[in-house]
PDB file of N, CA and C in Angstrom:
ATOM      1  N   MET A   1     105.558 122.681  97.754  1.00  0.00           N
ATOM      2  CA  MET A   1     105.250 122.855  99.159  1.00  0.00           C
ATOM      3  C   MET A   1     105.900 121.739  99.954  1.00  0.00           C
ATOM      4  N   SER A   2     106.325 122.070 101.121  1.00  0.00           N
ATOM      5  CA  SER A   2     106.913 121.072 101.995  1.00  0.00           C
ATOM      6  C   SER A   2     105.822 120.129 102.508  1.00  0.00           C
ATOM      7  N   ALA A   3     106.023 118.831 102.249  1.00  0.00           N
ATOM      8  CA  ALA A   3     105.058 117.840 102.713  1.00  0.00           C
ATOM      9  C   ALA A   3     104.942 117.872 104.234  1.00  0.00           C
ATOM     10  N   SER A   4     106.061 118.149 104.908  1.00  0.00           N
ATOM     11  CA  SER A   4     106.019 118.166 106.366  1.00  0.00           C
ATOM     12  C   SER A   4     105.131 119.290 106.897  1.00  0.00           C
ATOM     13  N   ARG A   5     105.058 120.427 106.178  1.00  0.00           N
ATOM     14  CA  ARG A   5     104.150 121.509 106.625  1.00  0.00           C
ATOM     15  C   ARG A   5     102.704 121.049 106.547  1.00  0.00           C
ATOM     16  N   PHE A   6     102.356 120.332 105.489  1.00  0.00           N
ATOM     17  CA  PHE A   6     101.002 119.807 105.356  1.00  0.00           C
ATOM     18  C   PHE A   6     100.708 118.823 106.500  1.00  0.00           C
ATOM     19  N   GLU A   7     101.641 117.913 106.754  1.00  0.00           N
ATOM     20  CA  GLU A   7     101.469 116.951 107.850  1.00  0.00           C
ATOM     21  C   GLU A   7     101.276 117.657 109.190  1.00  0.00           C
ATOM     22  N   ARG A   8     102.146 118.625 109.470  1.00  0.00           N
ATOM     23  CA  ARG A   8     102.042 119.349 110.748  1.00  0.00           C
ATOM     24  C   ARG A   8     100.703 120.071 110.852  1.00  0.00           C
ATOM     25  N   ALA A   9     100.240 120.665 109.765  1.00  0.00           N
ATOM     26  CA  ALA A   9      98.966 121.385 109.787  1.00  0.00           C
ATOM     27  C   ALA A   9      97.804 120.430 110.050  1.00  0.00           C
ATOM     28  N   VAL A  10      97.826 119.257 109.438  1.00  0.00           N
ATOM     29  CA  VAL A  10      96.767 118.272 109.657  1.00  0.00           C
ATOM     30  C   VAL A  10      96.796 117.777 111.099  1.00  0.00           C
ATOM     31  N   THR A  11      97.984 117.445 111.605  1.00  0.00           N
ATOM     32  CA  THR A  11      98.061 116.932 112.973  1.00  0.00           C
ATOM     33  C   THR A  11      97.679 118.001 113.998  1.00  0.00           C
ATOM     34  N   ARG A  12      98.052 119.272 113.740  1.00  0.00           N
ATOM     35  CA  ARG A  12      97.637 120.366 114.638  1.00  0.00           C
ATOM     36  C   ARG A  12      96.118 120.503 114.654  1.00  0.00           C
ATOM     37  N   SER A  13      95.516 120.436 113.474  1.00  0.00           N
ATOM     38  CA  SER A  13      94.064 120.566 113.374  1.00  0.00           C
ATOM     39  C   SER A  13      93.365 119.457 114.149  1.00  0.00           C
ATOM     40  N   ALA A  14      93.819 118.228 113.966  1.00  0.00           N
ATOM     41  CA  ALA A  14      93.206 117.096 114.672  1.00  0.00           C
ATOM     42  C   ALA A  14      93.384 117.239 116.183  1.00  0.00           C
ATOM     43  N   ALA A  15      94.581 117.634 116.601  1.00  0.00           N
ATOM     44  CA  ALA A  15      94.833 117.802 118.038  1.00  0.00           C
ATOM     45  C   ALA A  15      93.934 118.877 118.635  1.00  0.00           C
ATOM     46  N   ARG A  16      93.769 120.007 117.916  1.00  0.00           N
ATOM     47  CA  ARG A  16      92.877 121.073 118.402  1.00  0.00           C
ATOM     48  C   ARG A  16      91.441 120.574 118.548  1.00  0.00           C
ATOM     49  N   ALA A  17      91.073 119.603 117.704  1.00  0.00           N
ATOM     50  CA  ALA A  17      89.720 119.041 117.756  1.00  0.00           C
ATOM     51  C   ALA A  17      89.590 117.952 118.819  1.00  0.00           C
ATOM     52  N   GLY A  18      90.681 117.662 119.536  1.00  0.00           N
ATOM     53  CA  GLY A  18      90.651 116.638 120.564  1.00  0.00           C
ATOM     54  C   GLY A  18      90.794 115.234 120.009  1.00  0.00           C
ATOM     55  N   ALA A  19      91.316 115.131 118.776  1.00  0.00           N
ATOM     56  CA  ALA A  19      91.468 113.832 118.116  1.00  0.00           C
ATOM     57  C   ALA A  19      92.880 113.687 117.562  1.00  0.00           C
ATOM     58  N   PRO A  20      93.878 113.575 118.452  1.00  0.00           N
ATOM     59  CA  PRO A  20      95.253 113.489 117.946  1.00  0.00           C
ATOM     60  C   PRO A  20      95.438 112.306 117.000  1.00  0.00           C
ATOM     61  N   VAL A  21      96.166 112.547 115.926  1.00  0.00           N
ATOM     62  CA  VAL A  21      96.433 111.516 114.935  1.00  0.00           C
ATOM     63  C   VAL A  21      97.942 111.313 114.803  1.00  0.00           C
ATOM     64  N   ALA A  22      98.327 110.104 114.408  1.00  0.00           N
ATOM     65  CA  ALA A  22      99.722 109.785 114.123  1.00  0.00           C
ATOM     66  C   ALA A  22      99.840 109.552 112.618  1.00  0.00           C
ATOM     67  N   VAL A  23     100.796 110.220 111.990  1.00  0.00           N
ATOM     68  CA  VAL A  23     101.001 110.055 110.551  1.00  0.00           C
ATOM     69  C   VAL A  23     101.752 108.752 110.307  1.00  0.00           C
ATOM     70  N   GLU A  24     101.156 107.909 109.494  1.00  0.00           N
ATOM     71  CA  GLU A  24     101.771 106.635 109.125  1.00  0.00           C
ATOM     72  C   GLU A  24     102.519 106.765 107.793  1.00  0.00           C
ATOM     73  N   ARG A  25     101.930 107.524 106.861  1.00  0.00           N
ATOM     74  CA  ARG A  25     102.532 107.682 105.536  1.00  0.00           C
ATOM     75  C   ARG A  25     101.956 108.929 104.876  1.00  0.00           C
ATOM     76  N   HIS A  26     102.787 109.582 104.082  1.00  0.00           N
ATOM     77  CA  HIS A  26     102.344 110.763 103.354  1.00  0.00           C
ATOM     78  C   HIS A  26     103.092 110.841 102.034  1.00  0.00           C
ATOM     79  N   THR A  27     102.352 110.996 100.966  1.00  0.00           N
ATOM     80  CA  THR A  27     102.970 111.263  99.669  1.00  0.00           C
ATOM     81  C   THR A  27     102.334 112.529  99.110  1.00  0.00           C
ATOM     82  N   ALA A  28     103.162 113.327  98.485  1.00  0.00           N
ATOM     83  CA  ALA A  28     102.688 114.558  97.844  1.00  0.00           C
ATOM     84  C   ALA A  28     103.205 114.547  96.411  1.00  0.00           C
ATOM     85  N   THR A  29     102.302 114.813  95.489  1.00  0.00           N
ATOM     86  CA  THR A  29     102.646 114.831  94.070  1.00  0.00           C
ATOM     87  C   THR A  29     102.262 116.187  93.504  1.00  0.00           C
ATOM     88  N   GLY A  30     103.206 116.855  92.875  1.00  0.00           N
ATOM     89  CA  GLY A  30     102.918 118.151  92.272  1.00  0.00           C
ATOM     90  C   GLY A  30     101.958 118.012  91.106  1.00  0.00           C
ATOM     91  N   TRP A  31     101.120 119.009  90.915  1.00  0.00           N
ATOM     92  CA  TRP A  31     100.211 119.039  89.770  1.00  0.00           C
ATOM     93  C   TRP A  31     100.125 120.476  89.275  1.00  0.00           C
ATOM     94  N   HIS A  32      99.733 120.633  88.034  1.00  0.00           N
ATOM     95  CA  HIS A  32      99.600 121.959  87.428  1.00  0.00           C
ATOM     96  C   HIS A  32      98.423 121.960  86.465  1.00  0.00           C
ATOM     97  N   SER A  33      97.707 123.064  86.452  1.00  0.00           N
ATOM     98  CA  SER A  33      96.673 123.284  85.438  1.00  0.00           C
ATOM     99  C   SER A  33      97.113 124.513  84.656  1.00  0.00           C
ATOM    100  N   ALA A  34      96.259 125.003  83.803  1.00  0.00           N
ATOM    101  CA  ALA A  34      96.605 126.190  83.010  1.00  0.00           C
ATOM    102  C   ALA A  34      96.813 127.416  83.897  1.00  0.00           C
ATOM    103  N   THR A  35      96.126 127.471  85.037  1.00  0.00           N
ATOM    104  CA  THR A  35      96.194 128.663  85.880  1.00  0.00           C
ATOM    105  C   THR A  35      96.680 128.427  87.298  1.00  0.00           C
ATOM    106  N   PHE A  36      96.737 127.181  87.739  1.00  0.00           N
ATOM    107  CA  PHE A  36      97.096 126.894  89.124  1.00  0.00           C
ATOM    108  C   PHE A  36      98.177 125.830  89.207  1.00  0.00           C
ATOM    109  N   SER A  37      98.848 125.818  90.344  1.00  0.00           N
ATOM    110  CA  SER A  37      99.770 124.724  90.650  1.00  0.00           C
ATOM    111  C   SER A  37      99.618 124.398  92.128  1.00  0.00           C
ATOM    112  N   GLY A  38      99.971 123.191  92.463  1.00  0.00           N
ATOM    113  CA  GLY A  38      99.845 122.780  93.851  1.00  0.00           C
ATOM    114  C   GLY A  38     100.308 121.363  94.032  1.00  0.00           C
ATOM    115  N   ASP A  39      99.740 120.700  95.042  1.00  0.00           N
ATOM    116  CA  ASP A  39     100.111 119.326  95.360  1.00  0.00           C
ATOM    117  C   ASP A  39      98.872 118.503  95.680  1.00  0.00           C
ATOM    118  N   ARG A  40      98.911 117.252  95.225  1.00  0.00           N
ATOM    119  CA  ARG A  40      97.920 116.254  95.644  1.00  0.00           C
ATOM    120  C   ARG A  40      98.566 115.478  96.782  1.00  0.00           C
ATOM    121  N   HIS A  41      97.811 115.306  97.858  1.00  0.00           N
ATOM    122  CA  HIS A  41      98.335 114.639  99.048  1.00  0.00           C
ATOM    123  C   HIS A  41      97.562 113.364  99.325  1.00  0.00           C
ATOM    124  N   GLU A  42      98.279 112.322  99.662  1.00  0.00           N
ATOM    125  CA  GLU A  42      97.695 111.097 100.187  1.00  0.00           C
ATOM    126  C   GLU A  42      98.346 110.894 101.551  1.00  0.00           C
ATOM    127  N   LEU A  43      97.520 110.920 102.565  1.00  0.00           N
ATOM    128  CA  LEU A  43      98.005 110.877 103.938  1.00  0.00           C
ATOM    129  C   LEU A  43      97.292 109.747 104.668  1.00  0.00           C
ATOM    130  N   VAL A  44      98.070 108.887 105.307  1.00  0.00           N
ATOM    131  CA  VAL A  44      97.504 107.807 106.116  1.00  0.00           C
ATOM    132  C   VAL A  44      97.808 108.140 107.569  1.00  0.00           C
ATOM    133  N   VAL A  45      96.751 108.242 108.367  1.00  0.00           N
ATOM    134  CA  VAL A  45      96.904 108.564 109.783  1.00  0.00           C
ATOM    135  C   VAL A  45      96.151 107.529 110.609  1.00  0.00           C
ATOM    136  N   SER A  46      96.581 107.378 111.863  1.00  0.00           N
ATOM    137  CA  SER A  46      95.855 106.501 112.774  1.00  0.00           C
ATOM    138  C   SER A  46      95.504 107.292 114.023  1.00  0.00           C
ATOM    139  N   ALA A  47      94.414 106.870 114.658  1.00  0.00           N
ATOM    140  CA  ALA A  47      93.923 107.591 115.831  1.00  0.00           C
ATOM    141  C   ALA A  47      93.020 106.673 116.647  1.00  0.00           C
ATOM    142  N   ALA A  48      92.739 107.116 117.853  1.00  0.00           N
ATOM    143  CA  ALA A  48      91.765 106.419 118.688  1.00  0.00           C
ATOM    144  C   ALA A  48      90.370 106.760 118.175  1.00  0.00           C
ATOM    145  N   PRO A  49      89.488 105.787 118.103  1.00  0.00           N
ATOM    146  CA  PRO A  49      88.126 106.084 117.661  1.00  0.00           C
ATOM    147  C   PRO A  49      87.380 106.905 118.708  1.00  0.00           C
ATOM    148  N   GLY A  50      86.323 107.569 118.283  1.00  0.00           N
ATOM    149  CA  GLY A  50      85.497 108.313 119.221  1.00  0.00           C
ATOM    150  C   GLY A  50      84.853 109.523 118.586  1.00  0.00           C
ATOM    151  N   ALA A  51      84.032 110.180 119.379  1.00  0.00           N
ATOM    152  CA  ALA A  51      83.281 111.339 118.891  1.00  0.00           C
ATOM    153  C   ALA A  51      84.185 112.478 118.412  1.00  0.00           C
ATOM    154  N   PRO A  52      85.287 112.819 119.106  1.00  0.00           N
ATOM    155  CA  PRO A  52      86.132 113.903 118.603  1.00  0.00           C
ATOM    156  C   PRO A  52      86.697 113.611 117.210  1.00  0.00           C
ATOM    157  N   LEU A  53      87.118 112.372 116.972  1.00  0.00           N
ATOM    158  CA  LEU A  53      87.634 112.005 115.645  1.00  0.00           C
ATOM    159  C   LEU A  53      86.528 112.094 114.605  1.00  0.00           C
ATOM    160  N   ASP A  54      85.344 111.622 114.958  1.00  0.00           N
ATOM    161  CA  ASP A  54      84.216 111.691 114.031  1.00  0.00           C
ATOM    162  C   ASP A  54      83.873 113.135 113.677  1.00  0.00           C
ATOM    163  N   ARG A  55      83.849 114.019 114.683  1.00  0.00           N
ATOM    164  CA  ARG A  55      83.553 115.439 114.419  1.00  0.00           C
ATOM    165  C   ARG A  55      84.623 116.051 113.528  1.00  0.00           C
ATOM    166  N   TRP A  56      85.895 115.736 113.810  1.00  0.00           N
ATOM    167  CA  TRP A  56      86.985 116.286 112.997  1.00  0.00           C
ATOM    168  C   TRP A  56      86.865 115.824 111.548  1.00  0.00           C
ATOM    169  N   THR A  57      86.670 114.529 111.338  1.00  0.00           N
ATOM    170  CA  THR A  57      86.573 114.035 109.961  1.00  0.00           C
ATOM    171  C   THR A  57      85.326 114.558 109.265  1.00  0.00           C
ATOM    172  N   ASP A  58      84.229 114.743 109.997  1.00  0.00           N
ATOM    173  CA  ASP A  58      83.014 115.298 109.392  1.00  0.00           C
ATOM    174  C   ASP A  58      83.231 116.730 108.906  1.00  0.00           C
ATOM    175  N   GLY A  59      84.166 117.455 109.531  1.00  0.00           N
ATOM    176  CA  GLY A  59      84.404 118.853 109.177  1.00  0.00           C
ATOM    177  C   GLY A  59      85.564 119.082 108.223  1.00  0.00           C
ATOM    178  N   LEU A  60      86.163 118.018 107.692  1.00  0.00           N
ATOM    179  CA  LEU A  60      87.334 118.187 106.832  1.00  0.00           C
ATOM    180  C   LEU A  60      87.063 119.059 105.604  1.00  0.00           C
ATOM    181  N   ALA A  61      85.890 118.950 105.021  1.00  0.00           N
ATOM    182  CA  ALA A  61      85.588 119.701 103.798  1.00  0.00           C
ATOM    183  C   ALA A  61      85.631 121.208 104.027  1.00  0.00           C
ATOM    184  N   ALA A  62      85.381 121.654 105.238  1.00  0.00           N
ATOM    185  CA  ALA A  62      85.358 123.088 105.535  1.00  0.00           C
ATOM    186  C   ALA A  62      86.612 123.551 106.275  1.00  0.00           C
ATOM    187  N   LEU A  63      87.575 122.680 106.416  1.00  0.00           N
ATOM    188  CA  LEU A  63      88.767 122.965 107.195  1.00  0.00           C
ATOM    189  C   LEU A  63      89.671 123.990 106.519  1.00  0.00           C
ATOM    190  N   ASP A  64      90.250 124.874 107.318  1.00  0.00           N
ATOM    191  CA  ASP A  64      91.292 125.795 106.855  1.00  0.00           C
ATOM    192  C   ASP A  64      92.545 125.426 107.631  1.00  0.00           C
ATOM    193  N   LEU A  65      93.523 124.843 106.941  1.00  0.00           N
ATOM    194  CA  LEU A  65      94.742 124.428 107.626  1.00  0.00           C
ATOM    195  C   LEU A  65      95.681 125.577 107.903  1.00  0.00           C
ATOM    196  N   GLY A  66      95.495 126.710 107.235  1.00  0.00           N
ATOM    197  CA  GLY A  66      96.327 127.874 107.503  1.00  0.00           C
ATOM    198  C   GLY A  66      97.779 127.687 107.138  1.00  0.00           C
ATOM    199  N   ILE A  67      98.065 127.115 105.986  1.00  0.00           N
ATOM    200  CA  ILE A  67      99.440 126.916 105.539  1.00  0.00           C
ATOM    201  C   ILE A  67      99.833 128.119 104.690  1.00  0.00           C
ATOM    202  N   PRO A  68     100.851 128.868 105.097  1.00  0.00           N
ATOM    203  CA  PRO A  68     101.240 130.061 104.346  1.00  0.00           C
ATOM    204  C   PRO A  68     101.528 129.749 102.874  1.00  0.00           C
ATOM    205  N   GLY A  69     100.942 130.531 101.996  1.00  0.00           N
ATOM    206  CA  GLY A  69     101.165 130.372 100.568  1.00  0.00           C
ATOM    207  C   GLY A  69     100.396 129.228  99.946  1.00  0.00           C
ATOM    208  N   GLN A  70      99.542 128.567 100.730  1.00  0.00           N
ATOM    209  CA  GLN A  70      98.771 127.430 100.236  1.00  0.00           C
ATOM    210  C   GLN A  70      97.311 127.571 100.634  1.00  0.00           C
ATOM    211  N   LEU A  71      96.458 127.220  99.721  1.00  0.00           N
ATOM    212  CA  LEU A  71      95.027 127.180  99.980  1.00  0.00           C
ATOM    213  C   LEU A  71      94.610 125.716  99.938  1.00  0.00           C
ATOM    214  N   LEU A  72      93.937 125.246 100.958  1.00  0.00           N
ATOM    215  CA  LEU A  72      93.441 123.874 100.970  1.00  0.00           C
ATOM    216  C   LEU A  72      92.186 123.837 100.109  1.00  0.00           C
ATOM    217  N   ALA A  73      92.300 123.208  98.947  1.00  0.00           N
ATOM    218  CA  ALA A  73      91.172 123.141  98.022  1.00  0.00           C
ATOM    219  C   ALA A  73      90.262 121.961  98.324  1.00  0.00           C
ATOM    220  N   ASP A  74      90.828 120.897  98.903  1.00  0.00           N
ATOM    221  CA  ASP A  74      90.029 119.707  99.179  1.00  0.00           C
ATOM    222  C   ASP A  74      90.760 118.843 100.201  1.00  0.00           C
ATOM    223  N   LEU A  75      90.020 118.254 101.109  1.00  0.00           N
ATOM    224  CA  LEU A  75      90.544 117.267 102.037  1.00  0.00           C
ATOM    225  C   LEU A  75      89.382 116.369 102.425  1.00  0.00           C
ATOM    226  N   ARG A  76      89.569 115.066 102.197  1.00  0.00           N
ATOM    227  CA  ARG A  76      88.471 114.141 102.486  1.00  0.00           C
ATOM    228  C   ARG A  76      89.019 112.803 102.925  1.00  0.00           C
ATOM    229  N   VAL A  77      88.153 112.023 103.573  1.00  0.00           N
ATOM    230  CA  VAL A  77      88.497 110.663 103.972  1.00  0.00           C
ATOM    231  C   VAL A  77      88.174 109.757 102.791  1.00  0.00           C
ATOM    232  N   ALA A  78      89.209 109.116 102.241  1.00  0.00           N
ATOM    233  CA  ALA A  78      88.999 108.178 101.135  1.00  0.00           C
ATOM    234  C   ALA A  78      88.558 106.821 101.675  1.00  0.00           C
ATOM    235  N   THR A  79      89.213 106.359 102.740  1.00  0.00           N
ATOM    236  CA  THR A  79      88.811 105.112 103.394  1.00  0.00           C
ATOM    237  C   THR A  79      89.035 105.241 104.887  1.00  0.00           C
ATOM    238  N   ARG A  80      88.281 104.450 105.609  1.00  0.00           N
ATOM    239  CA  ARG A  80      88.364 104.424 107.081  1.00  0.00           C
ATOM    240  C   ARG A  80      88.314 102.966 107.497  1.00  0.00           C
ATOM    241  N   GLU A  81      89.325 102.518 108.238  1.00  0.00           N
ATOM    242  CA  GLU A  81      89.387 101.128 108.670  1.00  0.00           C
ATOM    243  C   GLU A  81      89.593 101.087 110.172  1.00  0.00           C
ATOM    244  N   ARG A  82      88.847 100.222 110.833  1.00  0.00           N
ATOM    245  CA  ARG A  82      89.011 100.079 112.280  1.00  0.00           C
ATOM    246  C   ARG A  82      89.599  98.714 112.586  1.00  0.00           C
ATOM    247  N   SER A  83      90.600  98.718 113.457  1.00  0.00           N
ATOM    248  CA  SER A  83      91.228  97.484 113.904  1.00  0.00           C
ATOM    249  C   SER A  83      91.483  97.621 115.399  1.00  0.00           C
ATOM    250  N   GLY A  84      90.671  96.946 116.174  1.00  0.00           N
ATOM    251  CA  GLY A  84      90.816  97.021 117.630  1.00  0.00           C
ATOM    252  C   GLY A  84      90.543  98.420 118.142  1.00  0.00           C
ATOM    253  N   ASP A  85      91.527  98.981 118.848  1.00  0.00           N
ATOM    254  CA  ASP A  85      91.345 100.306 119.453  1.00  0.00           C
ATOM    255  C   ASP A  85      91.935 101.426 118.593  1.00  0.00           C
ATOM    256  N   ARG A  86      92.171 101.184 117.300  1.00  0.00           N
ATOM    257  CA  ARG A  86      92.715 102.198 116.404  1.00  0.00           C
ATOM    258  C   ARG A  86      91.877 102.296 115.142  1.00  0.00           C
ATOM    259  N   VAL A  87      91.826 103.487 114.598  1.00  0.00           N
ATOM    260  CA  VAL A  87      91.190 103.755 113.310  1.00  0.00           C
ATOM    261  C   VAL A  87      92.281 104.255 112.378  1.00  0.00           C
ATOM    262  N   THR A  88      92.319 103.705 111.174  1.00  0.00           N
ATOM    263  CA  THR A  88      93.253 104.175 110.166  1.00  0.00           C
ATOM    264  C   THR A  88      92.454 104.911 109.096  1.00  0.00           C
ATOM    265  N   LEU A  89      92.858 106.150 108.848  1.00  0.00           N
ATOM    266  CA  LEU A  89      92.201 106.989 107.851  1.00  0.00           C
ATOM    267  C   LEU A  89      93.143 107.218 106.679  1.00  0.00           C
ATOM    268  N   HIS A  90      92.625 107.022 105.483  1.00  0.00           N
ATOM    269  CA  HIS A  90      93.355 107.361 104.261  1.00  0.00           C
ATOM    270  C   HIS A  90      92.744 108.669 103.776  1.00  0.00           C
ATOM    271  N   LEU A  91      93.501 109.749 103.913  1.00  0.00           N
ATOM    272  CA  LEU A  91      93.022 111.074 103.542  1.00  0.00           C
ATOM    273  C   LEU A  91      93.580 111.468 102.181  1.00  0.00           C
ATOM    274  N   GLU A  92      92.774 112.151 101.390  1.00  0.00           N
ATOM    275  CA  GLU A  92      93.209 112.704 100.119  1.00  0.00           C
ATOM    276  C   GLU A  92      92.974 114.202 100.165  1.00  0.00           C
ATOM    277  N   GLY A  93      94.001 114.948  99.787  1.00  0.00           N
ATOM    278  CA  GLY A  93      93.895 116.399  99.832  1.00  0.00           C
ATOM    279  C   GLY A  93      94.492 117.047  98.604  1.00  0.00           C
ATOM    280  N   LEU A  94      94.138 118.294  98.413  1.00  0.00           N
ATOM    281  CA  LEU A  94      94.667 119.081  97.317  1.00  0.00           C
ATOM    282  C   LEU A  94      94.959 120.478  97.837  1.00  0.00           C
ATOM    283  N   THR A  95      96.210 120.914  97.687  1.00  0.00           N
ATOM    284  CA  THR A  95      96.580 122.273  98.059  1.00  0.00           C
ATOM    285  C   THR A  95      96.953 123.028  96.792  1.00  0.00           C
ATOM    286  N   VAL A  96      96.643 124.320  96.792  1.00  0.00           N
ATOM    287  CA  VAL A  96      96.910 125.184  95.647  1.00  0.00           C
ATOM    288  C   VAL A  96      97.783 126.334  96.124  1.00  0.00           C
ATOM    289  N   ALA A  97      98.836 126.605  95.379  1.00  0.00           N
ATOM    290  CA  ALA A  97      99.713 127.730  95.716  1.00  0.00           C
ATOM    291  C   ALA A  97      98.965 129.033  95.479  1.00  0.00           C
ATOM    292  N   CYS A  98      99.150 129.983  96.390  1.00  0.00           N
ATOM    293  CA  CYS A  98      98.510 131.285  96.238  1.00  0.00           C
ATOM    294  C   CYS A  98      99.388 132.361  96.863  1.00  0.00           C
ATOM    295  N   GLU A  99      99.080 133.596  96.569  1.00  0.00           N
ATOM    296  CA  GLU A  99      99.804 134.719  97.154  1.00  0.00           C
ATOM    297  C   GLU A  99      99.429 134.808  98.624  1.00  0.00           C
ATOM    298  N   VAL A 100     100.418 134.908  99.484  1.00  0.00           N
ATOM    299  CA  VAL A 100     100.154 134.963 100.926  1.00  0.00           C
ATOM    300  C   VAL A 100      99.227 136.130 101.273  1.00  0.00           C
ATOM    301  N   SER A 101      99.286 137.202 100.497  1.00  0.00           N
ATOM    302  CA  SER A 101      98.440 138.362 100.781  1.00  0.00           C
ATOM    303  C   SER A 101      96.996 138.178 100.297  1.00  0.00           C
ATOM    304  N   ALA A 102      96.735 137.115  99.541  1.00  0.00           N
ATOM    305  CA  ALA A 102      95.370 136.876  99.043  1.00  0.00           C
ATOM    306  C   ALA A 102      94.457 136.497 100.197  1.00  0.00           C
ATOM    307  N   PRO A 103      93.200 136.983 100.179  1.00  0.00           N
ATOM    308  CA  PRO A 103      92.256 136.640 101.247  1.00  0.00           C
ATOM    309  C   PRO A 103      92.092 135.123 101.350  1.00  0.00           C
ATOM    310  N   GLY A 104      92.184 134.614 102.573  1.00  0.00           N
ATOM    311  CA  GLY A 104      91.977 133.191 102.821  1.00  0.00           C
ATOM    312  C   GLY A 104      93.174 132.314 102.561  1.00  0.00           C
ATOM    313  N   CYS A 105      94.286 132.885 102.146  1.00  0.00           N
ATOM    314  CA  CYS A 105      95.468 132.082 101.828  1.00  0.00           C
ATOM    315  C   CYS A 105      96.352 131.980 103.066  1.00  0.00           C
ATOM    316  N   GLY A 106      96.212 130.868 103.771  1.00  0.00           N
ATOM    317  CA  GLY A 106      97.027 130.655 104.961  1.00  0.00           C
ATOM    318  C   GLY A 106      96.687 131.589 106.098  1.00  0.00           C
ATOM    319  N   ALA A 107      95.483 132.128 106.100  1.00  0.00           N
ATOM    320  CA  ALA A 107      95.110 133.148 107.081  1.00  0.00           C
ATOM    321  C   ALA A 107      95.107 132.621 108.514  1.00  0.00           C
ATOM    322  N   ALA A 108      94.808 131.344 108.692  1.00  0.00           N
ATOM    323  CA  ALA A 108      94.699 130.813 110.049  1.00  0.00           C
ATOM    324  C   ALA A 108      96.010 130.225 110.545  1.00  0.00           C
ATOM    325  N   TYR A 109      97.095 130.482 109.861  1.00  0.00           N
ATOM    326  CA  TYR A 109      98.379 129.882 110.208  1.00  0.00           C
ATOM    327  C   TYR A 109      98.834 130.311 111.591  1.00  0.00           C
ATOM    328  N   ALA A 110      99.202 129.320 112.359  1.00  0.00           N
ATOM    329  CA  ALA A 110      99.803 129.570 113.673  1.00  0.00           C
ATOM    330  C   ALA A 110     101.028 128.699 113.762  1.00  0.00           C
ATOM    331  N   PRO A 111     102.212 129.286 113.893  1.00  0.00           N
ATOM    332  CA  PRO A 111     103.426 128.480 113.938  1.00  0.00           C
ATOM    333  C   PRO A 111     103.364 127.440 115.053  1.00  0.00           C
ATOM    334  N   GLY A 112     104.073 126.345 114.831  1.00  0.00           N
ATOM    335  CA  GLY A 112     104.130 125.337 115.884  1.00  0.00           C
ATOM    336  C   GLY A 112     104.003 123.963 115.381  1.00  0.00           C
TER     337      GLY A 112
END
């Protein structure tokens, strides 16, 4: 999967929640099990603190990023650090490749 698609999906989601984030760093590592394949993501983002950011991060576990051909299996805040007027979030995520026609696989995708 293109790491940039994951980044764009995360930043779109945060912006829709009223909590725009800036990507500082992103690494994606492929993984495979006996039945699935996908990517583990480590994403570092920064944002202004506040209620919209808190609501967005509180809802990460139920988030649907809508990435075509990918199912978001997990997304969570690993660490949160505040420095002055910025918050730095270390996010960990897991995406799983799936058939685009499968229910819930990239269903909420909106180009942009």
